[in-house]
Amino acid sequence: MKKHKKEHHEEHIDETWLIPYADLLTLLLALFIILFASSQVDEKKYAKVMQGLNNAFNGGVSVFEESDTLSIDDISVNDVKNVNENGQDQNQALNDLINKEKQDMEAIKKRLDTFIAENGLTLQLQTNVTSDMLKITIQDYALFDSGKAVVKPEAQKLASIISEMLSMYPDYKVEVAGHTDNIPIKNNEFDSNWDLSSKRSLNFMKYLLRSNNINQARFRSIGYGEYQPIDTNGTLEGRAKNRRVEVNIIRNTIEAKTKTIIP
């Protein structure tokens, strides 16, 4: 009888210790992969990893069993943000990018202002750096004859200069925008100010794109017609200012600033 009880006890060896042991190995392996990949991860991916580890600690789904958790393939050099103890590195990185963009915009503006001054074009061209972009404003008579959209031969040099500068800063998108005054136009070529402004912006953009160093995917042209005036249309001077083409170099941090609080 005693022998029978002993054999019965041996058949039911307690192996419950294997469960926490296996979980511990899983967590250690997960931690190793994370540290090996990088300590810099996307904030959302970092949250997923933390959730996965928390689930594993509490007996939930393992970090390796969750379909959308972090893997080494998810991490790229262009998709990293520091996550540290005080959680401020992401804001710091964005601030650094904003400052770099500001320096780039100021550098382009300085080069253009020098060209404008040396060529006596201060009445025809203006540059302005805003929180969103560098705006290059060109009066219509510097580029086109009245009511026309063919770029003047003398304006082609200006397009070449601007294009050369843009090629030095390949990370920014560029919008070429046409504007008119509110005097209706209707001739054999254009039915409205929409048509005129659109054609002018497109034609000038084509000259900007003649450089082989320009990535055309960065560019777009748009016609605003008479609907974005910068001065009154009640005077000759005001209407002259409203007839213009703008080359807008767009900052990349506009969207990021709306999603991240900058201290």
C-alpha atoms as a PDB file:
ATOM      1  CA  MET A   1       0.000   0.000   0.000  1.00  0.00           C
ATOM      2  CA  LYS A   2       2.844   2.383   0.875  1.00  0.00           C
ATOM      3  CA  LYS A   3       4.638   1.545  -2.339  1.00  0.00           C
ATOM      4  CA  HIS A   4       1.508   2.247  -4.328  1.00  0.00           C
ATOM      5  CA  LYS A   5       1.106   5.703  -2.780  1.00  0.00           C
ATOM      6  CA  LYS A   6       4.714   6.579  -3.502  1.00  0.00           C
ATOM      7  CA  GLU A   7       4.374   5.651  -7.160  1.00  0.00           C
ATOM      8  CA  HIS A   8       1.170   7.688  -7.391  1.00  0.00           C
ATOM      9  CA  HIS A   9       3.019  10.728  -5.998  1.00  0.00           C
ATOM     10  CA  GLU A  10       5.827  10.403  -8.571  1.00  0.00           C
ATOM     11  CA  GLU A  11       3.357  10.371 -11.430  1.00  0.00           C
ATOM     12  CA  HIS A  12       2.146  13.897 -10.487  1.00  0.00           C
ATOM     13  CA  ILE A  13       5.353  15.907 -10.107  1.00  0.00           C
ATOM     14  CA  ASP A  14       4.547  19.600  -9.709  1.00  0.00           C
ATOM     15  CA  GLU A  15       5.751  21.402 -12.885  1.00  0.00           C
ATOM     16  CA  THR A  16       3.874  24.679 -12.429  1.00  0.00           C
ATOM     17  CA  TRP A  17       7.217  26.430 -11.926  1.00  0.00           C
ATOM     18  CA  LEU A  18       7.836  26.063 -15.674  1.00  0.00           C
ATOM     19  CA  ILE A  19       5.123  28.616 -16.509  1.00  0.00           C
ATOM     20  CA  PRO A  20       6.674  31.669 -14.774  1.00  0.00           C
ATOM     21  CA  TYR A  21      10.107  30.462 -15.889  1.00  0.00           C
ATOM     22  CA  ALA A  22       9.019  30.413 -19.548  1.00  0.00           C
ATOM     23  CA  ASP A  23       7.382  33.815 -19.167  1.00  0.00           C
ATOM     24  CA  LEU A  24      10.592  35.188 -17.693  1.00  0.00           C
ATOM     25  CA  LEU A  25      12.634  33.883 -20.625  1.00  0.00           C
ATOM     26  CA  THR A  26      10.145  35.393 -23.051  1.00  0.00           C
ATOM     27  CA  LEU A  27      10.349  38.781 -21.364  1.00  0.00           C
ATOM     28  CA  LEU A  28      14.140  38.713 -21.241  1.00  0.00           C
ATOM     29  CA  LEU A  29      14.274  37.890 -24.948  1.00  0.00           C
ATOM     30  CA  ALA A  30      11.819  40.695 -25.711  1.00  0.00           C
ATOM     31  CA  LEU A  31      13.898  43.137 -23.698  1.00  0.00           C
ATOM     32  CA  PHE A  32      17.065  42.035 -25.480  1.00  0.00           C
ATOM     33  CA  ILE A  33      15.509  42.583 -28.927  1.00  0.00           C
ATOM     34  CA  ILE A  34      14.296  46.053 -27.961  1.00  0.00           C
ATOM     35  CA  LEU A  35      17.684  47.078 -26.572  1.00  0.00           C
ATOM     36  CA  PHE A  36      19.470  45.563 -29.531  1.00  0.00           C
ATOM     37  CA  ALA A  37      17.310  47.335 -32.100  1.00  0.00           C
ATOM     38  CA  SER A  38      17.598  50.746 -30.501  1.00  0.00           C
ATOM     39  CA  SER A  39      16.629  52.710 -27.469  1.00  0.00           C
ATOM     40  CA  GLN A  40      15.055  55.220 -29.872  1.00  0.00           C
ATOM     41  CA  VAL A  41      11.627  54.139 -31.045  1.00  0.00           C
ATOM     42  CA  ASP A  42       8.475  55.677 -32.321  1.00  0.00           C
ATOM     43  CA  GLU A  43       6.264  56.822 -29.465  1.00  0.00           C
ATOM     44  CA  LYS A  44       3.289  54.728 -30.578  1.00  0.00           C
ATOM     45  CA  LYS A  45       5.439  51.654 -31.081  1.00  0.00           C
ATOM     46  CA  TYR A  46       6.989  52.190 -27.683  1.00  0.00           C
ATOM     47  CA  ALA A  47       3.522  52.273 -26.145  1.00  0.00           C
ATOM     48  CA  LYS A  48       2.660  49.002 -27.875  1.00  0.00           C
ATOM     49  CA  VAL A  49       5.779  47.350 -26.491  1.00  0.00           C
ATOM     50  CA  MET A  50       4.997  48.572 -22.984  1.00  0.00           C
ATOM     51  CA  GLN A  51       1.459  47.261 -23.320  1.00  0.00           C
ATOM     52  CA  GLY A  52       2.736  43.921 -24.563  1.00  0.00           C
ATOM     53  CA  LEU A  53       5.200  43.592 -21.696  1.00  0.00           C
ATOM     54  CA  ASN A  54       2.520  44.571 -19.217  1.00  0.00           C
ATOM     55  CA  ASN A  55       0.188  41.930 -20.659  1.00  0.00           C
ATOM     56  CA  ALA A  56       2.886  39.325 -20.362  1.00  0.00           C
ATOM     57  CA  PHE A  57       3.555  40.208 -16.734  1.00  0.00           C
ATOM     58  CA  ASN A  58      -0.140  39.911 -15.971  1.00  0.00           C
ATOM     59  CA  GLY A  59      -0.694  36.663 -17.809  1.00  0.00           C
ATOM     60  CA  GLY A  60      -2.109  38.248 -20.957  1.00  0.00           C
ATOM     61  CA  VAL A  61      -0.996  38.021 -24.573  1.00  0.00           C
ATOM     62  CA  SER A  62       2.754  37.748 -25.019  1.00  0.00           C
ATOM     63  CA  VAL A  63       4.665  40.505 -26.742  1.00  0.00           C
ATOM     64  CA  PHE A  64       5.497  38.046 -29.520  1.00  0.00           C
ATOM     65  CA  GLU A  65       1.921  36.883 -29.945  1.00  0.00           C
ATOM     66  CA  GLU A  66       0.448  40.332 -30.532  1.00  0.00           C
ATOM     67  CA  SER A  67       0.241  40.923 -34.278  1.00  0.00           C
ATOM     68  CA  ASP A  68       0.966  44.660 -34.263  1.00  0.00           C
ATOM     69  CA  THR A  69       3.696  44.879 -31.654  1.00  0.00           C
ATOM     70  CA  LEU A  70       7.198  46.113 -32.318  1.00  0.00           C
ATOM     71  CA  SER A  71       9.622  44.070 -34.372  1.00  0.00           C
ATOM     72  CA  ILE A  72      13.092  44.840 -35.665  1.00  0.00           C
ATOM     73  CA  ASP A  73      11.642  45.384 -39.147  1.00  0.00           C
ATOM     74  CA  ASP A  74       9.432  48.166 -37.733  1.00  0.00           C
ATOM     75  CA  ILE A  75      12.428  50.300 -36.785  1.00  0.00           C
ATOM     76  CA  SER A  76      14.135  52.528 -39.352  1.00  0.00           C
ATOM     77  CA  VAL A  77      16.683  55.312 -39.158  1.00  0.00           C
ATOM     78  CA  ASN A  78      14.135  57.821 -40.450  1.00  0.00           C
ATOM     79  CA  ASP A  79      11.493  56.741 -37.932  1.00  0.00           C
ATOM     80  CA  VAL A  80      13.164  57.124 -34.546  1.00  0.00           C
ATOM     81  CA  LYS A  81      12.355  59.380 -31.634  1.00  0.00           C
ATOM     82  CA  ASN A  82      14.052  59.324 -28.253  1.00  0.00           C
ATOM     83  CA  VAL A  83      12.031  58.014 -25.366  1.00  0.00           C
ATOM     84  CA  ASN A  84      13.835  58.786 -22.109  1.00  0.00           C
ATOM     85  CA  GLU A  85      13.029  59.261 -18.452  1.00  0.00           C
ATOM     86  CA  ASN A  86      11.593  62.768 -18.682  1.00  0.00           C
ATOM     87  CA  GLY A  87       9.852  62.276 -22.045  1.00  0.00           C
ATOM     88  CA  GLN A  88      11.203  65.554 -23.442  1.00  0.00           C
ATOM     89  CA  ASP A  89      13.478  64.284 -26.222  1.00  0.00           C
ATOM     90  CA  GLN A  90      10.713  64.227 -28.826  1.00  0.00           C
ATOM     91  CA  ASN A  91       9.986  67.909 -28.277  1.00  0.00           C
ATOM     92  CA  GLN A  92      13.696  68.675 -28.341  1.00  0.00           C
ATOM     93  CA  ALA A  93      14.117  66.885 -31.661  1.00  0.00           C
ATOM     94  CA  LEU A  94      11.210  68.840 -33.125  1.00  0.00           C
ATOM     95  CA  ASN A  95      12.630  72.104 -31.812  1.00  0.00           C
ATOM     96  CA  ASP A  96      15.978  71.258 -33.415  1.00  0.00           C
ATOM     97  CA  LEU A  97      14.264  70.567 -36.740  1.00  0.00           C
ATOM     98  CA  ILE A  98      12.326  73.834 -36.560  1.00  0.00           C
ATOM     99  CA  ASN A  99      15.547  75.738 -35.891  1.00  0.00           C
ATOM    100  CA  LYS A 100      17.288  74.021 -38.804  1.00  0.00           C
ATOM    101  CA  GLU A 101      14.419  74.906 -41.123  1.00  0.00           C
ATOM    102  CA  LYS A 102      14.567  78.508 -39.958  1.00  0.00           C
ATOM    103  CA  GLN A 103      18.277  78.615 -40.764  1.00  0.00           C
ATOM    104  CA  ASP A 104      17.650  77.115 -44.204  1.00  0.00           C
ATOM    105  CA  MET A 105      14.897  79.628 -44.968  1.00  0.00           C
ATOM    106  CA  GLU A 106      17.035  82.546 -43.833  1.00  0.00           C
ATOM    107  CA  ALA A 107      19.939  81.302 -45.962  1.00  0.00           C
ATOM    108  CA  ILE A 108      17.767  81.145 -49.099  1.00  0.00           C
ATOM    109  CA  LYS A 109      16.286  84.550 -48.317  1.00  0.00           C
ATOM    110  CA  LYS A 110      19.737  86.078 -47.901  1.00  0.00           C
ATOM    111  CA  ARG A 111      20.912  84.715 -51.260  1.00  0.00           C
ATOM    112  CA  LEU A 112      17.787  85.962 -53.001  1.00  0.00           C
ATOM    113  CA  ASP A 113      17.927  89.384 -51.367  1.00  0.00           C
ATOM    114  CA  THR A 114      21.521  89.743 -52.552  1.00  0.00           C
ATOM    115  CA  PHE A 115      20.498  88.842 -56.103  1.00  0.00           C
ATOM    116  CA  ILE A 116      17.550  91.265 -55.953  1.00  0.00           C
ATOM    117  CA  ALA A 117      19.702  94.133 -54.726  1.00  0.00           C
ATOM    118  CA  GLU A 118      22.491  93.505 -57.246  1.00  0.00           C
ATOM    119  CA  ASN A 119      20.034  93.433 -60.150  1.00  0.00           C
ATOM    120  CA  GLY A 120      17.816  96.326 -59.079  1.00  0.00           C
ATOM    121  CA  LEU A 121      14.728  94.182 -58.635  1.00  0.00           C
ATOM    122  CA  THR A 122      13.550  95.464 -55.248  1.00  0.00           C
ATOM    123  CA  LEU A 123      10.281  96.759 -56.720  1.00  0.00           C
ATOM    124  CA  GLN A 124       9.562  93.516 -58.512  1.00  0.00           C
ATOM    125  CA  LEU A 125      10.539  90.874 -55.957  1.00  0.00           C
ATOM    126  CA  GLN A 126      10.083  90.539 -52.220  1.00  0.00           C
ATOM    127  CA  THR A 127      10.965  87.736 -49.828  1.00  0.00           C
ATOM    128  CA  ASN A 128       9.377  86.998 -46.481  1.00  0.00           C
ATOM    129  CA  VAL A 129       9.958  84.229 -43.941  1.00  0.00           C
ATOM    130  CA  THR A 130       6.917  83.159 -41.925  1.00  0.00           C
ATOM    131  CA  SER A 131       6.331  80.378 -39.401  1.00  0.00           C
ATOM    132  CA  ASP A 132       5.056  78.213 -42.266  1.00  0.00           C
ATOM    133  CA  MET A 133       7.182  79.032 -45.284  1.00  0.00           C
ATOM    134  CA  LEU A 134       9.557  81.258 -47.203  1.00  0.00           C
ATOM    135  CA  LYS A 135       7.430  83.283 -49.585  1.00  0.00           C
ATOM    136  CA  ILE A 136       9.009  84.735 -52.747  1.00  0.00           C
ATOM    137  CA  THR A 137       6.604  87.250 -54.280  1.00  0.00           C
ATOM    138  CA  ILE A 138       7.149  88.283 -57.910  1.00  0.00           C
ATOM    139  CA  GLN A 139       5.038  91.021 -59.495  1.00  0.00           C
ATOM    140  CA  ASP A 140       3.334  89.903 -62.673  1.00  0.00           C
ATOM    141  CA  TYR A 141       4.928  92.522 -64.930  1.00  0.00           C
ATOM    142  CA  ALA A 142       8.359  91.089 -64.074  1.00  0.00           C
ATOM    143  CA  LEU A 143       7.315  87.783 -65.604  1.00  0.00           C
ATOM    144  CA  PHE A 144       4.534  88.368 -68.138  1.00  0.00           C
ATOM    145  CA  ASP A 145       3.053  90.890 -70.507  1.00  0.00           C
ATOM    146  CA  SER A 146      -0.360  92.222 -69.549  1.00  0.00           C
ATOM    147  CA  GLY A 147      -3.058  89.552 -69.851  1.00  0.00           C
ATOM    148  CA  LYS A 148      -0.526  86.944 -71.017  1.00  0.00           C
ATOM    149  CA  ALA A 149       0.962  83.814 -69.453  1.00  0.00           C
ATOM    150  CA  VAL A 150       4.138  83.434 -71.549  1.00  0.00           C
ATOM    151  CA  VAL A 151       7.221  83.933 -69.368  1.00  0.00           C
ATOM    152  CA  LYS A 152       9.359  86.823 -70.611  1.00  0.00           C
ATOM    153  CA  PRO A 153      12.882  85.926 -71.786  1.00  0.00           C
ATOM    154  CA  GLU A 154      14.455  88.230 -69.177  1.00  0.00           C
ATOM    155  CA  ALA A 155      12.455  86.473 -66.442  1.00  0.00           C
ATOM    156  CA  GLN A 156      13.924  83.126 -67.353  1.00  0.00           C
ATOM    157  CA  LYS A 157      17.205  84.107 -65.674  1.00  0.00           C
ATOM    158  CA  LEU A 158      15.305  84.754 -62.468  1.00  0.00           C
ATOM    159  CA  ALA A 159      13.685  81.313 -62.698  1.00  0.00           C
ATOM    160  CA  SER A 160      17.115  79.757 -63.174  1.00  0.00           C
ATOM    161  CA  ILE A 161      18.504  81.528 -60.088  1.00  0.00           C
ATOM    162  CA  ILE A 162      15.577  80.462 -57.902  1.00  0.00           C
ATOM    163  CA  SER A 163      15.779  76.918 -59.246  1.00  0.00           C
ATOM    164  CA  GLU A 164      19.472  76.693 -58.425  1.00  0.00           C
ATOM    165  CA  MET A 165      18.808  77.752 -54.843  1.00  0.00           C
ATOM    166  CA  LEU A 166      15.933  75.317 -54.457  1.00  0.00           C
ATOM    167  CA  SER A 167      18.144  72.454 -55.631  1.00  0.00           C
ATOM    168  CA  MET A 168      20.438  73.139 -52.659  1.00  0.00           C
ATOM    169  CA  TYR A 169      17.608  72.434 -50.235  1.00  0.00           C
ATOM    170  CA  PRO A 170      15.969  69.244 -51.537  1.00  0.00           C
ATOM    171  CA  ASP A 171      13.930  68.442 -48.428  1.00  0.00           C
ATOM    172  CA  TYR A 172      11.223  71.075 -48.885  1.00  0.00           C
ATOM    173  CA  LYS A 173       8.055  71.084 -50.954  1.00  0.00           C
ATOM    174  CA  VAL A 174       7.444  74.062 -53.222  1.00  0.00           C
ATOM    175  CA  GLU A 175       4.158  75.633 -54.254  1.00  0.00           C
ATOM    176  CA  VAL A 176       4.037  78.015 -57.222  1.00  0.00           C
ATOM    177  CA  ALA A 177       0.877  80.118 -56.915  1.00  0.00           C
ATOM    178  CA  GLY A 178      -0.662  82.541 -59.406  1.00  0.00           C
ATOM    179  CA  HIS A 179      -2.810  85.534 -58.361  1.00  0.00           C
ATOM    180  CA  THR A 180      -4.710  88.234 -60.242  1.00  0.00           C
ATOM    181  CA  ASP A 181      -6.632  91.391 -59.430  1.00  0.00           C
ATOM    182  CA  ASN A 182     -10.429  91.456 -59.574  1.00  0.00           C
ATOM    183  CA  ILE A 183     -10.747  92.957 -63.052  1.00  0.00           C
ATOM    184  CA  PRO A 184     -12.512  90.313 -65.180  1.00  0.00           C
ATOM    185  CA  ILE A 185     -10.589  88.932 -68.128  1.00  0.00           C
ATOM    186  CA  LYS A 186     -12.097  87.211 -71.131  1.00  0.00           C
ATOM    187  CA  ASN A 187     -10.217  86.828 -74.370  1.00  0.00           C
ATOM    188  CA  ASN A 188      -9.393  84.146 -76.896  1.00  0.00           C
ATOM    189  CA  GLU A 189      -6.890  82.537 -74.502  1.00  0.00           C
ATOM    190  CA  PHE A 190      -8.472  82.896 -71.039  1.00  0.00           C
ATOM    191  CA  ASP A 191     -12.083  82.762 -69.957  1.00  0.00           C
ATOM    192  CA  SER A 192     -11.479  83.950 -66.394  1.00  0.00           C
ATOM    193  CA  ASN A 193      -8.905  85.024 -63.826  1.00  0.00           C
ATOM    194  CA  TRP A 194      -8.842  81.418 -62.658  1.00  0.00           C
ATOM    195  CA  ASP A 195      -7.482  80.359 -66.035  1.00  0.00           C
ATOM    196  CA  LEU A 196      -4.952  83.178 -66.196  1.00  0.00           C
ATOM    197  CA  SER A 197      -3.568  82.636 -62.691  1.00  0.00           C
ATOM    198  CA  SER A 198      -3.362  78.867 -63.157  1.00  0.00           C
ATOM    199  CA  LYS A 199      -1.578  79.088 -66.486  1.00  0.00           C
ATOM    200  CA  ARG A 200       0.909  81.653 -65.199  1.00  0.00           C
ATOM    201  CA  SER A 201       1.825  79.551 -62.174  1.00  0.00           C
ATOM    202  CA  LEU A 202       2.219  76.441 -64.316  1.00  0.00           C
ATOM    203  CA  ASN A 203       4.369  78.157 -66.945  1.00  0.00           C
ATOM    204  CA  PHE A 204       6.716  79.692 -64.396  1.00  0.00           C
ATOM    205  CA  MET A 205       6.992  76.386 -62.550  1.00  0.00           C
ATOM    206  CA  LYS A 206       8.078  74.699 -65.784  1.00  0.00           C
ATOM    207  CA  TYR A 207      11.074  77.031 -65.936  1.00  0.00           C
ATOM    208  CA  LEU A 208      11.909  76.249 -62.318  1.00  0.00           C
ATOM    209  CA  LEU A 209      11.907  72.550 -63.199  1.00  0.00           C
ATOM    210  CA  ARG A 210      14.381  72.863 -66.058  1.00  0.00           C
ATOM    211  CA  SER A 211      17.278  72.151 -63.707  1.00  0.00           C
ATOM    212  CA  ASN A 212      18.314  68.509 -63.688  1.00  0.00           C
ATOM    213  CA  ASN A 213      18.994  68.745 -59.964  1.00  0.00           C
ATOM    214  CA  ILE A 214      15.353  69.447 -59.101  1.00  0.00           C
ATOM    215  CA  ASN A 215      13.080  66.697 -57.808  1.00  0.00           C
ATOM    216  CA  GLN A 216       9.827  67.441 -59.616  1.00  0.00           C
ATOM    217  CA  ALA A 217       7.813  65.443 -57.095  1.00  0.00           C
ATOM    218  CA  ARG A 218       8.350  68.286 -54.624  1.00  0.00           C
ATOM    219  CA  PHE A 219       6.478  70.826 -56.757  1.00  0.00           C
ATOM    220  CA  ARG A 220       2.900  71.822 -57.378  1.00  0.00           C
ATOM    221  CA  SER A 221       1.290  74.766 -59.145  1.00  0.00           C
ATOM    222  CA  ILE A 222      -2.021  76.384 -58.285  1.00  0.00           C
ATOM    223  CA  GLY A 223      -4.080  79.346 -59.445  1.00  0.00           C
ATOM    224  CA  TYR A 224      -5.970  81.390 -56.853  1.00  0.00           C
ATOM    225  CA  GLY A 225      -7.495  83.854 -59.288  1.00  0.00           C
ATOM    226  CA  GLU A 226      -8.543  87.101 -57.601  1.00  0.00           C
ATOM    227  CA  TYR A 227      -9.489  85.527 -54.295  1.00  0.00           C
ATOM    228  CA  GLN A 228      -6.355  86.002 -52.188  1.00  0.00           C
ATOM    229  CA  PRO A 229      -5.523  89.717 -52.553  1.00  0.00           C
ATOM    230  CA  ILE A 230      -2.755  91.262 -50.459  1.00  0.00           C
ATOM    231  CA  ASP A 231      -3.921  94.842 -51.105  1.00  0.00           C
ATOM    232  CA  THR A 232      -7.014  96.734 -52.101  1.00  0.00           C
ATOM    233  CA  ASN A 233      -8.397  96.298 -55.593  1.00  0.00           C
ATOM    234  CA  GLY A 234      -9.766  99.832 -55.407  1.00  0.00           C
ATOM    235  CA  THR A 235      -6.560 101.501 -56.646  1.00  0.00           C
ATOM    236  CA  LEU A 236      -4.127 100.957 -59.498  1.00  0.00           C
ATOM    237  CA  GLU A 237      -1.287 100.396 -57.040  1.00  0.00           C
ATOM    238  CA  GLY A 238      -3.279  97.865 -55.040  1.00  0.00           C
ATOM    239  CA  ARG A 239      -4.315  95.906 -58.097  1.00  0.00           C
ATOM    240  CA  ALA A 240      -0.709  95.859 -59.309  1.00  0.00           C
ATOM    241  CA  LYS A 241       0.374  94.257 -56.017  1.00  0.00           C
ATOM    242  CA  ASN A 242      -2.364  91.673 -56.236  1.00  0.00           C
ATOM    243  CA  ARG A 243      -1.211  90.536 -59.692  1.00  0.00           C
ATOM    244  CA  ARG A 244       1.659  88.297 -58.712  1.00  0.00           C
ATOM    245  CA  VAL A 245       3.256  84.859 -58.675  1.00  0.00           C
ATOM    246  CA  GLU A 246       4.442  83.391 -55.390  1.00  0.00           C
ATOM    247  CA  VAL A 247       7.043  80.682 -54.940  1.00  0.00           C
ATOM    248  CA  ASN A 248       6.359  79.236 -51.505  1.00  0.00           C
ATOM    249  CA  ILE A 249       8.957  76.985 -49.887  1.00  0.00           C
ATOM    250  CA  ILE A 250       6.940  75.040 -47.331  1.00  0.00           C
ATOM    251  CA  ARG A 251       8.294  74.040 -43.946  1.00  0.00           C
ATOM    252  CA  ASN A 252       8.001  70.354 -43.069  1.00  0.00           C
ATOM    253  CA  THR A 253       7.251  70.945 -39.386  1.00  0.00           C
ATOM    254  CA  ILE A 254       3.854  72.626 -39.841  1.00  0.00           C
ATOM    255  CA  GLU A 255       1.883  69.438 -39.155  1.00  0.00           C
ATOM    256  CA  ALA A 256       4.251  68.241 -36.467  1.00  0.00           C
ATOM    257  CA  LYS A 257       3.874  71.482 -34.513  1.00  0.00           C
ATOM    258  CA  THR A 258       0.108  71.011 -34.335  1.00  0.00           C
ATOM    259  CA  LYS A 259       0.518  67.552 -32.801  1.00  0.00           C
ATOM    260  CA  THR A 260       3.338  68.219 -30.357  1.00  0.00           C
ATOM    261  CA  ILE A 261       3.478  70.797 -27.585  1.00  0.00           C
ATOM    262  CA  ILE A 262       6.671  72.808 -27.843  1.00  0.00           C
ATOM    263  CA  PRO A 263       7.941  74.072 -24.467  1.00  0.00           C
END
